[in-house]
Amino acid sequence: MRLIVILFLLLFAVAGVVFGALNADLVPFDLGFARLALPKGGAMLAFLLVGWVLGGFTAWVGTSFAQQRKRRRALRGGSKVASAKPA
């Protein structure tokens, strides 16, 4: 199993290197406060990394807020539904 994972990682690394080599021309970016000219492969890698980090941060914040709500309910004696008296 570990060998298959290593082979997939090597395959994608080689594909990324080939993609970057074939798309080496510069692409201009205007960010409003700065202008950049990056190679296509480098720009795609940079924006992929930024998206991955922002997505991970968003998921972390969402789960931590949910865990805090559960913890508060547990400390208060359960949820409102569980503490209501049956009719």
C-alpha atoms as a PDB file:
ATOM      1  CA  MET A   1       0.000   0.000   0.000  1.00  0.00           C
ATOM      2  CA  ARG A   2       2.805   2.379   0.914  1.00  0.00           C
ATOM      3  CA  LEU A   3       4.515   1.676  -2.417  1.00  0.00           C
ATOM      4  CA  ILE A   4       1.363   2.638  -4.322  1.00  0.00           C
ATOM      5  CA  VAL A   5       1.132   5.937  -2.437  1.00  0.00           C
ATOM      6  CA  ILE A   6       4.785   6.716  -3.155  1.00  0.00           C
ATOM      7  CA  LEU A   7       4.292   5.908  -6.855  1.00  0.00           C
ATOM      8  CA  PHE A   8       1.259   8.223  -7.042  1.00  0.00           C
ATOM      9  CA  LEU A   9       3.185  11.014  -5.334  1.00  0.00           C
ATOM     10  CA  LEU A  10       6.090  10.603  -7.749  1.00  0.00           C
ATOM     11  CA  LEU A  11       3.698  10.522 -10.713  1.00  0.00           C
ATOM     12  CA  PHE A  12       2.039  13.783  -9.683  1.00  0.00           C
ATOM     13  CA  ALA A  13       5.371  15.425  -8.876  1.00  0.00           C
ATOM     14  CA  VAL A  14       6.695  14.540 -12.338  1.00  0.00           C
ATOM     15  CA  ALA A  15       3.456  15.752 -13.939  1.00  0.00           C
ATOM     16  CA  GLY A  16       3.778  19.045 -12.047  1.00  0.00           C
ATOM     17  CA  VAL A  17       7.377  19.523 -13.149  1.00  0.00           C
ATOM     18  CA  VAL A  18       6.452  18.789 -16.777  1.00  0.00           C
ATOM     19  CA  PHE A  19       3.464  21.151 -16.596  1.00  0.00           C
ATOM     20  CA  GLY A  20       5.618  23.899 -15.123  1.00  0.00           C
ATOM     21  CA  ALA A  21       8.307  23.410 -17.760  1.00  0.00           C
ATOM     22  CA  LEU A  22       5.813  23.512 -20.628  1.00  0.00           C
ATOM     23  CA  ASN A  23       4.114  26.662 -19.288  1.00  0.00           C
ATOM     24  CA  ALA A  24       7.101  28.804 -18.444  1.00  0.00           C
ATOM     25  CA  ASP A  25       5.849  32.088 -19.972  1.00  0.00           C
ATOM     26  CA  LEU A  26       5.059  34.928 -17.604  1.00  0.00           C
ATOM     27  CA  VAL A  27       1.506  35.865 -16.693  1.00  0.00           C
ATOM     28  CA  PRO A  28       0.856  39.397 -15.376  1.00  0.00           C
ATOM     29  CA  PHE A  29      -1.302  39.816 -12.252  1.00  0.00           C
ATOM     30  CA  ASP A  30      -2.689  43.138 -11.027  1.00  0.00           C
ATOM     31  CA  LEU A  31      -3.644  42.861  -7.346  1.00  0.00           C
ATOM     32  CA  GLY A  32      -4.698  46.488  -6.975  1.00  0.00           C
ATOM     33  CA  PHE A  33      -1.804  47.389  -4.713  1.00  0.00           C
ATOM     34  CA  ALA A  34       0.924  45.521  -6.604  1.00  0.00           C
ATOM     35  CA  ARG A  35       1.648  44.093 -10.029  1.00  0.00           C
ATOM     36  CA  LEU A  36       3.264  40.720 -10.416  1.00  0.00           C
ATOM     37  CA  ALA A  37       4.556  38.723 -13.350  1.00  0.00           C
ATOM     38  CA  LEU A  38       4.860  35.033 -12.510  1.00  0.00           C
ATOM     39  CA  PRO A  39       5.360  31.902 -14.585  1.00  0.00           C
ATOM     40  CA  LYS A  40       2.077  30.052 -15.195  1.00  0.00           C
ATOM     41  CA  GLY A  41       3.136  26.944 -13.306  1.00  0.00           C
ATOM     42  CA  GLY A  42       4.422  28.925 -10.336  1.00  0.00           C
ATOM     43  CA  ALA A  43       1.293  31.065 -10.224  1.00  0.00           C
ATOM     44  CA  MET A  44      -0.960  28.010 -10.295  1.00  0.00           C
ATOM     45  CA  LEU A  45       1.068  26.353  -7.556  1.00  0.00           C
ATOM     46  CA  ALA A  46       1.031  29.499  -5.411  1.00  0.00           C
ATOM     47  CA  PHE A  47      -2.732  29.999  -5.758  1.00  0.00           C
ATOM     48  CA  LEU A  48      -3.357  26.305  -5.128  1.00  0.00           C
ATOM     49  CA  LEU A  49      -1.319  26.548  -1.928  1.00  0.00           C
ATOM     50  CA  VAL A  50      -3.151  29.705  -0.813  1.00  0.00           C
ATOM     51  CA  GLY A  51      -6.522  28.037  -1.472  1.00  0.00           C
ATOM     52  CA  TRP A  52      -5.480  24.928   0.415  1.00  0.00           C
ATOM     53  CA  VAL A  53      -4.358  26.951   3.439  1.00  0.00           C
ATOM     54  CA  LEU A  54      -7.500  29.128   3.444  1.00  0.00           C
ATOM     55  CA  GLY A  55      -9.748  26.070   3.066  1.00  0.00           C
ATOM     56  CA  GLY A  56      -7.998  24.322   5.947  1.00  0.00           C
ATOM     57  CA  PHE A  57      -8.281  27.420   8.113  1.00  0.00           C
ATOM     58  CA  THR A  58     -11.994  27.729   7.326  1.00  0.00           C
ATOM     59  CA  ALA A  59     -12.613  24.070   8.179  1.00  0.00           C
ATOM     60  CA  TRP A  60     -10.644  24.411  11.411  1.00  0.00           C
ATOM     61  CA  VAL A  61     -12.583  27.507  12.498  1.00  0.00           C
ATOM     62  CA  GLY A  62     -15.911  25.864  11.667  1.00  0.00           C
ATOM     63  CA  THR A  63     -15.173  22.718  13.644  1.00  0.00           C
ATOM     64  CA  SER A  64     -13.725  24.598  16.602  1.00  0.00           C
ATOM     65  CA  PHE A  65     -16.880  26.747  16.896  1.00  0.00           C
ATOM     66  CA  ALA A  66     -19.042  23.619  16.741  1.00  0.00           C
ATOM     67  CA  GLN A  67     -16.941  21.967  19.457  1.00  0.00           C
ATOM     68  CA  GLN A  68     -17.212  25.061  21.655  1.00  0.00           C
ATOM     69  CA  ARG A  69     -21.016  25.028  21.322  1.00  0.00           C
ATOM     70  CA  LYS A  70     -21.150  21.338  22.276  1.00  0.00           C
ATOM     71  CA  ARG A  71     -18.870  21.944  25.252  1.00  0.00           C
ATOM     72  CA  ARG A  72     -21.007  24.858  26.498  1.00  0.00           C
ATOM     73  CA  ARG A  73     -24.200  22.791  26.195  1.00  0.00           C
ATOM     74  CA  ALA A  74     -22.589  19.943  28.097  1.00  0.00           C
ATOM     75  CA  LEU A  75     -21.467  22.290  30.880  1.00  0.00           C
ATOM     76  CA  ARG A  76     -24.952  23.854  31.107  1.00  0.00           C
ATOM     77  CA  GLY A  77     -26.559  20.485  31.644  1.00  0.00           C
ATOM     78  CA  GLY A  78     -27.323  19.338  28.131  1.00  0.00           C
ATOM     79  CA  SER A  79     -29.278  20.802  25.271  1.00  0.00           C
ATOM     80  CA  LYS A  80     -32.619  22.555  25.672  1.00  0.00           C
ATOM     81  CA  VAL A  81     -34.472  19.560  24.265  1.00  0.00           C
ATOM     82  CA  ALA A  82     -32.856  17.139  26.700  1.00  0.00           C
ATOM     83  CA  SER A  83     -33.555  19.333  29.755  1.00  0.00           C
ATOM     84  CA  ALA A  84     -37.235  19.937  28.932  1.00  0.00           C
ATOM     85  CA  LYS A  85     -39.724  18.052  31.133  1.00  0.00           C
ATOM     86  CA  PRO A  86     -41.925  15.503  29.354  1.00  0.00           C
ATOM     87  CA  ALA A  87     -45.623  16.378  29.104  1.00  0.00           C
END
